[in-house]
Protein backbone atom coordinates (compact mmCIF):
# COMPACT_ATOMS: atom_id res chain seq x y z
CA MET A 1 0.00 0.00 0.00
CA GLU A 2 1.34 3.41 -1.03
CA PRO A 3 1.59 6.15 1.62
CA LYS A 4 -0.95 8.97 1.49
CA TYR A 5 -0.03 12.56 0.64
CA GLY A 6 -0.27 13.69 4.28
CA ASP A 7 2.10 10.89 5.32
CA ILE A 8 4.60 11.82 2.61
CA GLU A 9 4.38 15.49 3.59
CA ARG A 10 5.20 14.64 7.21
CA CYS A 11 8.07 12.34 6.14
CA VAL A 12 9.54 15.07 3.92
CA TYR A 13 9.35 17.65 6.73
CA ASP A 14 11.00 15.22 9.17
CA ALA A 15 13.71 14.36 6.62
CA VAL A 16 14.53 18.03 5.99
CA CYS A 17 14.73 18.56 9.76
CA ALA A 18 17.08 15.57 10.04
CA LEU A 19 19.30 17.00 7.29
CA ILE A 20 19.43 20.33 9.14
CA ARG A 21 20.28 18.61 12.43
CA ARG A 22 23.26 16.93 10.76
CA ALA A 23 24.50 20.17 9.15
CA ARG A 24 27.90 21.30 10.36
CA GLY A 25 28.11 24.74 8.76
CA THR A 26 25.79 27.68 8.18
CA CYS A 27 23.73 26.16 5.36
CA ARG A 28 22.60 22.81 3.98
CA THR A 29 21.81 21.93 0.37
CA PHE A 30 19.85 18.91 -0.76
CA THR A 31 17.91 17.43 -3.67
CA PRO A 32 14.51 15.71 -3.66
CA LYS A 33 16.27 12.35 -4.08
CA GLN A 34 18.37 12.93 -0.96
CA VAL A 35 15.21 13.79 0.97
CA ALA A 36 13.56 10.60 -0.30
CA ARG A 37 16.49 8.49 0.88
CA VAL A 38 16.54 10.07 4.35
CA ALA A 39 12.75 9.66 4.62
CA ARG A 40 13.05 6.07 3.37
CA LEU A 41 10.60 6.71 0.56
CA SER A 42 10.72 5.34 -2.96
CA THR A 43 13.05 7.15 -5.36
CA LYS A 44 10.77 6.56 -8.34
CA PRO A 45 10.07 9.65 -10.46
CA VAL A 46 6.45 9.94 -9.35
CA THR A 47 7.44 10.04 -5.67
CA LEU A 48 10.23 12.52 -6.39
CA SER A 49 7.69 14.78 -8.12
CA VAL A 50 5.50 14.76 -5.01
CA ILE A 51 8.53 15.51 -2.82
CA ARG A 52 9.51 18.36 -5.13
CA TYR A 53 5.98 19.76 -4.89
CA ILE A 54 6.19 19.69 -1.08
CA LEU A 55 9.61 21.36 -1.15
CA GLU A 56 8.25 24.05 -3.50
CA LYS A 57 5.50 24.67 -0.95
CA MET A 58 8.19 25.16 1.70
CA VAL A 59 9.95 27.62 -0.64
CA ARG A 60 6.73 29.64 -0.98
CA GLU A 61 6.40 29.69 2.82
CA GLY A 62 9.94 31.07 3.11
CA GLN A 63 11.38 28.12 5.04
CA ILE A 64 13.89 27.08 2.37
CA GLN A 65 15.26 28.52 -0.88
CA LEU A 66 15.55 27.09 -4.37
CA TYR A 67 18.79 26.97 -6.33
CA LYS A 68 18.04 25.95 -9.91
CA LYS A 69 20.83 25.47 -12.40
CA GLY A 70 19.75 24.00 -15.72
CA ARG A 71 17.56 20.99 -15.00
CA THR A 72 19.00 20.45 -11.52
CA TYR A 73 16.91 21.51 -8.55
CA ARG A 74 18.77 21.97 -5.28
CA TYR A 75 17.20 23.37 -2.17
CA ILE A 76 19.11 25.40 0.41
CA VAL A 77 18.42 26.11 4.06
CA TYR A 78 20.47 28.91 5.60
CA ASN A 79 21.03 29.51 9.30
CA THR A 80 18.83 32.60 9.04
CA SER A 81 15.80 30.51 8.04
CA PRO A 82 12.99 30.13 10.59
CA LEU A 83 13.07 26.35 10.00
CA TRP A 84 16.81 26.21 10.78
CA LYS A 85 16.31 28.20 13.98
CA LYS A 86 13.44 25.95 15.05
CA VAL A 87 15.40 22.73 14.43
CA LYS A 88 18.71 23.93 15.88
CA GLY A 89 17.03 25.67 18.81
CA GLU A 90 18.60 29.06 18.17
């Protein structure tokens, strides 16, 4: 049985928080595939599209930023982000 959208959304949020927790510098970059691996979700294109949609929603909310170069989508969280401050407890 495939997970529901709400479950995937929660997994993606938790995975991004885990990536931030493991960050050693002042920012963290990641791709949808890296998020899928941390969240232990499928890395099939349809799942990656859903993850990308959720990450785009987080970009619109101002929690993360998008760095797009060509066809590559990378997302960045800086230490000034409200999500970073919430996860790191700053």
